[in-house]
Protein backbone atom coordinates (compact mmCIF):
# COMPACT_ATOMS: atom_id res chain seq x y z
CA MET A 1 5.17 -42.56 -0.79
CA GLN A 2 8.45 -42.04 -2.71
CA VAL A 3 10.85 -39.58 -1.19
CA TRP A 4 10.93 -37.42 -4.31
CA LEU A 5 7.26 -37.20 -4.46
CA ARG A 6 7.07 -36.32 -0.52
CA LEU A 7 9.70 -33.55 -1.04
CA LEU A 8 7.94 -32.26 -4.10
CA LEU A 9 4.70 -32.00 -2.16
CA ILE A 10 6.33 -30.35 0.79
CA ALA A 11 8.04 -27.76 -1.45
CA THR A 12 4.79 -26.98 -3.24
CA ILE A 13 2.80 -26.70 -0.08
CA ILE A 14 5.28 -24.20 1.38
CA PHE A 15 5.58 -22.05 -1.87
CA SER A 16 1.79 -22.01 -2.43
CA ALA A 17 0.87 -21.19 1.18
CA SER A 18 3.55 -18.48 1.36
CA ALA A 19 2.15 -17.00 -1.95
CA PHE A 20 -1.37 -16.93 -0.44
CA VAL A 21 -0.11 -15.23 2.67
CA TRP A 22 1.91 -12.60 0.78
CA PHE A 23 -1.04 -11.91 -1.40
CA LEU A 24 -3.36 -11.33 1.50
CA LEU A 25 -0.87 -9.02 3.27
CA GLY A 26 -0.43 -7.22 -0.08
CA SER A 27 -4.02 -6.90 -1.04
CA THR A 28 -4.95 -5.46 2.34
CA ALA A 29 -1.76 -3.36 2.82
CA TYR A 30 -0.89 -5.44 5.88
CA PHE A 31 -4.56 -5.30 6.92
CA GLN A 32 -4.53 -1.45 6.94
CA ARG A 33 -7.27 -1.30 4.33
CA GLY A 34 -10.10 -3.39 2.88
CA MET A 35 -9.58 -5.58 -0.19
CA ASP A 36 -10.59 -3.82 -3.41
CA ILE A 37 -12.49 -5.37 -6.39
CA ILE A 38 -9.38 -6.48 -8.13
CA GLY A 39 -7.99 -8.16 -5.05
CA THR A 40 -11.36 -9.83 -4.39
CA THR A 41 -11.38 -11.28 -7.93
CA TYR A 42 -7.89 -12.63 -7.56
CA LEU A 43 -8.89 -14.05 -4.16
CA TRP A 44 -11.77 -16.00 -5.42
CA GLY A 45 -10.25 -16.84 -8.95
CA ILE A 46 -6.84 -17.96 -7.83
CA GLY A 47 -6.27 -17.56 -4.08
CA ILE A 48 -9.12 -20.03 -3.02
CA PRO A 49 -8.00 -22.78 -5.62
CA VAL A 50 -4.40 -22.45 -4.29
CA LEU A 51 -5.72 -22.94 -0.83
CA LEU A 52 -7.64 -26.02 -1.99
CA PHE A 53 -4.60 -27.36 -3.59
CA VAL A 54 -2.63 -26.84 -0.45
CA GLY A 55 -5.31 -28.71 1.61
CA LEU A 56 -5.36 -31.55 -0.99
CA PHE A 57 -1.45 -31.92 -0.90
CA THR A 58 -1.41 -31.84 2.93
CA VAL A 59 -3.90 -34.69 3.09
CA LEU A 60 -2.03 -36.74 0.39
CA LEU A 61 1.10 -36.08 2.42
CA ILE A 62 -0.34 -37.20 5.76
CA LYS A 63 -1.91 -40.23 4.21
CA GLY A 64 1.39 -41.11 2.40
CA TRP A 65 -0.58 -41.69 -0.82
CA THR A 66 1.28 -43.11 -3.74
CA PRO A 67 0.12 -43.33 -7.38
CA THR A 68 -0.62 -46.95 -8.47
CA SER A 69 -0.22 -46.22 -12.20
CA LYS A 70 1.64 -44.11 -14.70
CA GLY A 71 -1.40 -42.06 -15.15
CA GLY A 72 -1.49 -41.19 -11.51
CA TYR A 73 1.92 -39.94 -11.46
CA VAL A 74 1.20 -37.83 -14.66
CA GLY A 75 -1.87 -36.45 -12.91
CA ILE A 76 -0.32 -35.41 -9.74
CA CYS A 77 2.57 -33.81 -11.58
CA VAL A 78 0.04 -31.78 -13.68
CA VAL A 79 -1.76 -30.58 -10.53
CA LEU A 80 1.57 -29.74 -8.91
CA VAL A 81 2.58 -27.67 -11.89
CA LEU A 82 -0.93 -25.96 -12.05
CA SER A 83 -0.68 -25.02 -8.27
CA THR A 84 2.78 -23.57 -8.86
CA LEU A 85 1.59 -21.49 -11.82
CA LEU A 86 -1.49 -20.19 -9.94
CA SER A 87 0.86 -19.34 -6.96
CA ILE A 88 3.20 -17.39 -9.25
CA ALA A 89 0.22 -15.54 -10.70
CA LEU A 90 -0.94 -14.77 -7.07
CA LEU A 91 2.51 -13.29 -6.22
CA GLN A 92 2.66 -11.23 -9.41
CA SER A 93 -0.70 -9.64 -8.52
CA VAL A 94 0.52 -8.12 -5.30
CA SER A 95 1.28 -4.49 -5.08
CA THR A 96 3.63 -3.31 -2.31
CA ASN A 97 2.31 0.33 -2.45
CA GLY A 98 0.82 1.26 0.89
CA TRP A 99 2.60 -1.09 3.14
CA ALA A 100 6.08 -2.19 2.02
CA ASN A 101 6.47 1.10 0.04
CA GLU A 102 4.55 4.36 0.80
CA LYS A 103 1.80 5.41 -1.59
CA ILE A 104 1.99 9.25 -2.06
CA ARG A 105 -0.57 11.62 -3.51
CA SER A 106 0.33 15.20 -3.64
CA ASP A 107 -1.17 18.44 -4.87
CA SER A 108 0.43 20.78 -7.35
CA LEU A 109 3.70 22.48 -6.51
CA LYS A 110 3.21 26.17 -5.55
CA ILE A 111 5.35 28.97 -4.36
CA THR A 112 4.65 31.16 -1.27
CA ALA A 113 3.69 34.83 -1.88
CA ASP A 114 7.03 35.93 -0.45
CA GLU A 115 8.67 33.65 -3.01
CA LYS A 116 10.98 32.05 -0.47
CA TYR A 117 9.46 28.51 -0.50
CA GLU A 118 8.03 25.96 -2.92
CA TYR A 119 5.57 23.75 -1.19
CA ARG A 120 2.95 20.99 -1.65
CA ILE A 121 1.06 18.74 0.81
CA GLU A 122 1.75 14.97 0.57
CA LEU A 123 -0.96 12.53 1.61
CA ILE A 124 0.60 9.07 2.59
CA ASN A 125 -1.31 5.75 2.17
CA LEU A 126 -4.60 7.51 1.83
CA PHE A 127 -7.90 5.60 2.57
CA GLN A 128 -5.85 3.33 4.91
CA ARG A 129 -5.66 3.16 8.76
CA ASN A 130 -2.03 4.13 8.50
CA SER A 131 -2.63 7.16 6.45
CA HIS A 132 -0.98 10.50 7.38
CA ALA A 133 0.23 13.89 5.90
CA ARG A 134 3.36 15.96 5.55
CA LEU A 135 4.32 19.31 4.16
CA TYR A 136 7.08 19.38 1.47
CA LEU A 137 9.10 22.69 1.49
CA LYS A 138 11.94 23.76 -0.73
CA ASN A 139 13.88 26.79 -0.06
CA VAL A 140 14.05 28.69 -3.25
CA ASP A 141 17.56 30.31 -2.67
CA SER A 142 19.36 27.28 -1.07
CA GLY A 143 17.49 24.46 -2.60
CA VAL A 144 17.29 22.74 0.77
CA GLU A 145 14.18 20.34 1.01
CA THR A 146 12.22 19.83 4.26
CA TYR A 147 9.38 17.59 5.19
CA ILE A 148 7.12 18.45 8.15
CA PRO A 149 4.56 16.00 9.45
CA ILE A 150 1.05 17.57 9.82
CA GLU A 151 -1.96 16.06 11.67
CA ILE A 152 -4.53 16.59 8.89
CA GLN A 153 -7.43 14.20 9.52
CA THR A 154 -6.62 12.05 6.47
CA ARG A 155 -8.65 9.25 7.80
CA LYS A 156 -11.75 11.31 7.37
CA ILE A 157 -11.15 11.70 3.67
CA VAL A 158 -13.45 9.31 1.79
CA GLY A 159 -13.06 10.66 -1.63
CA LEU A 160 -10.43 12.88 -3.24
CA ARG A 161 -10.86 14.81 -6.64
CA VAL A 162 -7.61 14.70 -8.43
CA SER A 163 -7.13 16.92 -11.64
CA GLU A 164 -4.12 18.12 -13.52
CA VAL A 165 -3.80 21.11 -11.10
CA ASN A 166 -4.79 20.62 -7.58
CA HIS A 167 -4.72 23.09 -4.56
CA TRP A 168 -5.39 21.22 -1.41
CA VAL A 169 -3.57 23.65 0.87
CA LYS A 170 -2.33 27.22 1.01
CA LEU A 171 0.75 28.59 2.83
CA GLU A 172 0.89 32.11 3.95
CA ALA A 173 3.71 34.03 5.71
CA MET A 174 3.55 35.44 9.29
CA ASP A 175 5.42 38.21 10.89
CA ASN A 176 7.94 35.82 12.04
CA VAL A 177 10.14 35.00 9.16
CA SER A 178 10.36 31.32 9.97
CA GLN A 179 6.69 30.83 10.68
CA TYR A 180 3.82 30.37 8.24
CA ILE A 181 0.04 29.55 8.34
CA LEU A 182 -1.11 26.54 6.37
CA TYR A 183 -4.76 26.45 5.22
CA THR A 184 -6.42 23.35 3.98
CA THR A 185 -9.07 23.80 1.32
CA LYS A 186 -12.42 22.31 0.72
CA ASP A 187 -10.91 20.24 -2.11
CA LEU A 188 -9.64 17.80 0.49
CA GLY A 189 -13.25 16.93 1.25
CA ILE A 190 -12.94 17.40 4.99
CA PRO A 191 -13.57 20.47 7.27
CA GLU A 192 -11.00 23.04 6.64
CA GLU A 193 -8.18 23.27 9.13
CA ASN A 194 -5.37 25.76 9.90
CA PHE A 195 -1.89 24.88 11.14
CA LYS A 196 1.11 27.17 12.22
CA ILE A 197 4.18 25.88 10.53
CA ASP A 198 7.56 26.65 12.24
CA ILE A 199 10.17 25.88 9.55
CA THR A 200 13.15 26.40 11.78
CA ALA A 201 11.78 23.87 14.36
CA GLY A 202 10.25 21.61 11.70
CA THR A 203 6.86 21.51 13.40
CA ALA A 204 3.29 22.00 12.74
CA SER A 205 0.57 22.87 15.34
CA ARG A 206 -3.26 23.14 14.81
CA VAL A 207 -4.60 26.64 15.15
CA ASN A 208 -8.20 26.76 16.53
């Protein structure tokens, strides 16, 4: 096998295999969720053919196959180009939301009854094993923004109705000026929960 052909095969194998691994990680959010319909379509329509090409090129490389005619060279070059194009399409189909980048869903921005804070709940990477929630707060007077992690049972959410205006939580003041009570609503689709929010300490604790 000519050196140029061997190098071309090696480069295509590495690129195509890397594209498939990247697609697999992206379509499952680094194995934090199941593959959706679109991802499954790409897997069978493009991913599997790419894997077959990788297998074919690996066999040719191991056997040291060399084309015996001009048509053979043209054929292998066409297949190499096709494999590269499919690999590029596989790479472009990958979304990094939910693993390389956080995927955030939030309800409508509201203001507390005492008009001290704007707030909303943010659900991070919903419908994945690494999902979690946090409370966004903005001090109306100072403009200071704060994020407080909250142990809402996000993994129990199996469906979420999203409208133009959403009220997934309600924040009410307590006697202590730095403490509030956060109530989740039935719109989250899970049993309602209550949390005591300590803004000064930046903590949230569940209230039984």
